[in-house]
N, C-alpha and C. Protein backbone atom coordinates (compact mmCIF):
# COMPACT_ATOMS: atom_id res chain seq x y z
N MET A 1 63.33 111.85 171.27
CA MET A 1 64.53 112.47 171.80
C MET A 1 64.88 113.68 170.94
N TYR A 2 65.10 114.82 171.61
CA TYR A 2 65.45 116.05 170.90
C TYR A 2 66.73 116.65 171.45
N TYR A 3 67.37 117.44 170.59
CA TYR A 3 68.60 118.15 170.91
C TYR A 3 68.35 119.63 170.68
N THR A 4 69.09 120.47 171.38
CA THR A 4 68.92 121.90 171.20
C THR A 4 70.26 122.61 171.23
N LYS A 5 70.26 123.76 170.60
CA LYS A 5 71.36 124.71 170.69
C LYS A 5 70.79 126.06 170.32
N VAL A 6 71.55 127.11 170.54
CA VAL A 6 71.09 128.46 170.24
C VAL A 6 71.89 128.99 169.05
N ASN A 7 71.16 129.51 168.07
CA ASN A 7 71.82 130.22 166.97
C ASN A 7 72.21 131.58 167.55
N GLN A 8 73.44 131.69 167.95
CA GLN A 8 73.89 132.87 168.68
C GLN A 8 73.92 134.13 167.81
N ASP A 9 73.93 133.97 166.51
CA ASP A 9 73.85 135.14 165.62
C ASP A 9 72.46 135.77 165.67
N ASN A 10 71.44 134.97 165.99
CA ASN A 10 70.07 135.49 166.05
C ASN A 10 69.64 135.92 167.44
N CYS A 11 70.39 135.53 168.47
CA CYS A 11 70.02 135.84 169.85
C CYS A 11 70.12 137.34 170.11
N ILE A 12 69.08 137.89 170.74
CA ILE A 12 69.08 139.32 171.09
C ILE A 12 69.23 139.52 172.59
N ALA A 13 69.59 138.46 173.31
CA ALA A 13 69.83 138.53 174.75
C ALA A 13 68.63 139.08 175.52
N CYS A 14 67.44 138.63 175.15
CA CYS A 14 66.23 139.12 175.82
C CYS A 14 66.05 138.50 177.21
N GLY A 15 66.64 137.33 177.44
CA GLY A 15 66.57 136.69 178.75
C GLY A 15 65.43 135.72 178.92
N LEU A 16 64.53 135.64 177.97
CA LEU A 16 63.33 134.81 178.11
C LEU A 16 63.65 133.33 178.28
N CYS A 17 64.56 132.78 177.48
CA CYS A 17 64.83 131.34 177.57
C CYS A 17 65.40 130.97 178.94
N GLN A 18 66.24 131.80 179.50
CA GLN A 18 66.83 131.50 180.80
C GLN A 18 65.81 131.66 181.91
N ILE A 19 64.87 132.57 181.76
CA ILE A 19 63.80 132.73 182.75
C ILE A 19 62.87 131.51 182.71
N ILE A 20 62.51 131.07 181.51
CA ILE A 20 61.59 129.94 181.35
C ILE A 20 62.26 128.62 181.69
N SER A 21 63.51 128.44 181.29
CA SER A 21 64.18 127.16 181.44
C SER A 21 65.63 127.35 181.91
N PRO A 22 65.82 127.78 183.16
CA PRO A 22 67.17 128.06 183.66
C PRO A 22 68.07 126.83 183.74
N ASP A 23 67.48 125.64 183.78
CA ASP A 23 68.30 124.42 183.80
C ASP A 23 68.93 124.14 182.44
N LEU A 24 68.36 124.70 181.38
CA LEU A 24 68.85 124.41 180.04
C LEU A 24 69.62 125.55 179.39
N PHE A 25 69.30 126.80 179.76
CA PHE A 25 69.91 127.94 179.07
C PHE A 25 70.61 128.89 180.03
N ASP A 26 71.71 129.45 179.55
CA ASP A 26 72.47 130.45 180.30
C ASP A 26 73.01 131.46 179.29
N TYR A 27 73.84 132.39 179.77
CA TYR A 27 74.34 133.46 178.91
C TYR A 27 75.85 133.58 179.01
N THR A 28 76.46 133.95 177.89
CA THR A 28 77.90 134.24 177.86
C THR A 28 78.13 135.57 178.56
N SER A 29 79.38 135.94 178.73
CA SER A 29 79.71 137.24 179.34
C SER A 29 79.21 138.40 178.47
N GLU A 30 78.93 138.12 177.20
CA GLU A 30 78.39 139.14 176.29
C GLU A 30 76.87 139.17 176.29
N GLY A 31 76.24 138.29 177.09
CA GLY A 31 74.79 138.28 177.19
C GLY A 31 74.09 137.44 176.14
N ILE A 32 74.82 136.63 175.40
CA ILE A 32 74.24 135.79 174.36
C ILE A 32 73.92 134.42 174.94
N ALA A 33 72.73 133.90 174.65
CA ALA A 33 72.27 132.62 175.21
C ALA A 33 73.05 131.44 174.63
N PHE A 34 73.11 130.38 175.43
CA PHE A 34 73.66 129.11 174.97
C PHE A 34 73.01 127.97 175.76
N SER A 35 73.06 126.78 175.19
CA SER A 35 72.55 125.59 175.85
C SER A 35 73.58 125.12 176.87
N LYS A 36 73.18 125.03 178.13
CA LYS A 36 74.11 124.68 179.22
C LYS A 36 74.54 123.22 179.18
N MET A 37 73.71 122.34 178.68
CA MET A 37 73.98 120.90 178.78
C MET A 37 75.29 120.50 178.11
N ASP A 38 75.61 121.16 177.01
CA ASP A 38 76.79 120.77 176.24
C ASP A 38 77.53 121.98 175.66
N LEU A 39 77.41 123.10 176.37
CA LEU A 39 78.03 124.36 175.94
C LEU A 39 77.68 124.71 174.50
N ASN A 40 76.41 124.51 174.17
CA ASN A 40 75.81 124.89 172.90
C ASN A 40 76.27 124.03 171.71
N ALA A 41 76.78 122.85 171.98
CA ALA A 41 77.19 121.97 170.88
C ALA A 41 75.99 121.28 170.24
N GLY A 42 74.92 121.09 170.99
CA GLY A 42 73.74 120.44 170.45
C GLY A 42 73.90 118.94 170.29
N ASN A 43 74.70 118.32 171.16
CA ASN A 43 74.92 116.87 171.03
C ASN A 43 74.50 116.06 172.26
N VAL A 44 73.89 116.71 173.25
CA VAL A 44 73.36 116.01 174.42
C VAL A 44 71.84 116.14 174.37
N PRO A 45 71.12 115.02 174.45
CA PRO A 45 69.66 115.10 174.36
C PRO A 45 69.04 115.85 175.54
N ILE A 46 67.94 116.52 175.26
CA ILE A 46 67.20 117.22 176.30
C ILE A 46 66.60 116.18 177.24
N PRO A 47 66.83 116.27 178.54
CA PRO A 47 66.25 115.30 179.46
C PRO A 47 64.72 115.35 179.42
N ASP A 48 64.09 114.18 179.54
CA ASP A 48 62.63 114.10 179.48
C ASP A 48 61.96 115.06 180.46
N GLY A 49 62.49 115.17 181.66
CA GLY A 49 61.90 116.03 182.68
C GLY A 49 62.04 117.51 182.40
N ARG A 50 62.84 117.87 181.42
CA ARG A 50 63.06 119.28 181.07
C ARG A 50 62.44 119.65 179.72
N PHE A 51 61.83 118.67 179.06
CA PHE A 51 61.35 118.92 177.69
C PHE A 51 60.24 119.96 177.63
N GLU A 52 59.29 119.93 178.55
CA GLU A 52 58.18 120.90 178.51
C GLU A 52 58.70 122.33 178.67
N ALA A 53 59.64 122.55 179.59
CA ALA A 53 60.22 123.88 179.77
C ALA A 53 61.00 124.29 178.52
N PHE A 54 61.73 123.33 177.93
CA PHE A 54 62.43 123.62 176.68
C PHE A 54 61.44 124.06 175.61
N LEU A 55 60.37 123.30 175.44
CA LEU A 55 59.39 123.58 174.40
C LEU A 55 58.77 124.96 174.59
N ASP A 56 58.52 125.34 175.82
CA ASP A 56 57.97 126.66 176.11
C ASP A 56 58.97 127.75 175.70
N ALA A 57 60.23 127.58 176.06
CA ALA A 57 61.26 128.56 175.67
C ALA A 57 61.42 128.60 174.14
N TYR A 58 61.44 127.44 173.52
CA TYR A 58 61.58 127.32 172.07
C TYR A 58 60.45 128.09 171.35
N ARG A 59 59.25 127.90 171.81
CA ARG A 59 58.09 128.54 171.17
C ARG A 59 58.04 130.04 171.41
N LYS A 60 58.56 130.49 172.55
CA LYS A 60 58.46 131.91 172.91
C LYS A 60 59.67 132.74 172.51
N CYS A 61 60.74 132.12 172.03
CA CYS A 61 61.92 132.89 171.62
C CYS A 61 61.51 133.87 170.51
N PRO A 62 61.69 135.17 170.73
CA PRO A 62 61.19 136.16 169.77
C PRO A 62 61.93 136.16 168.43
N THR A 63 63.12 135.61 168.38
CA THR A 63 63.88 135.61 167.13
C THR A 63 64.05 134.22 166.53
N GLY A 64 63.51 133.21 167.18
CA GLY A 64 63.68 131.84 166.69
C GLY A 64 65.11 131.34 166.82
N ALA A 65 65.87 131.90 167.76
CA ALA A 65 67.28 131.54 167.92
C ALA A 65 67.47 130.16 168.55
N ILE A 66 66.47 129.68 169.28
CA ILE A 66 66.57 128.36 169.88
C ILE A 66 66.25 127.32 168.81
N LEU A 67 67.18 126.44 168.58
CA LEU A 67 67.03 125.42 167.55
C LEU A 67 66.69 124.08 168.18
N ARG A 68 66.02 123.23 167.41
CA ARG A 68 65.62 121.91 167.87
C ARG A 68 65.87 120.91 166.74
N SER A 69 66.32 119.72 167.12
CA SER A 69 66.58 118.67 166.13
C SER A 69 66.31 117.31 166.76
N ASP A 70 65.94 116.35 165.94
CA ASP A 70 65.74 114.99 166.46
C ASP A 70 67.02 114.17 166.38
N ARG A 71 68.13 114.80 166.01
CA ARG A 71 69.44 114.16 166.02
C ARG A 71 70.49 115.19 166.42
N PRO A 72 71.65 114.76 166.88
CA PRO A 72 72.68 115.73 167.29
C PRO A 72 73.04 116.69 166.15
N PHE A 73 73.34 117.92 166.52
CA PHE A 73 73.78 118.91 165.54
C PHE A 73 75.21 118.61 165.11
N PRO A 74 75.56 118.92 163.87
CA PRO A 74 76.96 118.73 163.45
C PRO A 74 77.87 119.69 164.21
N PRO A 75 79.13 119.33 164.38
CA PRO A 75 80.08 120.22 165.09
C PRO A 75 80.14 121.59 164.41
N ALA A 76 80.25 122.61 165.24
CA ALA A 76 80.35 124.00 164.75
C ALA A 76 81.30 124.77 165.63
N GLU A 77 81.77 125.88 165.13
CA GLU A 77 82.67 126.74 165.89
C GLU A 77 81.92 127.32 167.07
N GLN A 78 82.52 127.29 168.25
CA GLN A 78 81.91 127.81 169.47
C GLN A 78 82.39 129.24 169.74
N ARG A 79 81.61 129.99 170.50
CA ARG A 79 81.94 131.38 170.84
C ARG A 79 82.45 131.52 172.27
N PHE A 80 83.01 130.51 172.86
CA PHE A 80 83.41 130.61 174.25
C PHE A 80 84.86 130.95 174.37
């Protein structure tokens, strides 16, 4: 089981993650990516049926902004 969120400070709004995995990633009004499942909190596990698309986006992110963890991420300040 894995969790994801986007390090929004590293995101360059290239659009790749949303193209590869539109069920998991979207963009703020400023064009910065976030995880749709939990509004980028990183506390909802990636569904099994979406893991391959997640992994593809994770590997192809040009700045490494997509994060992955085997446990929920600690609470952090949101940009919404």
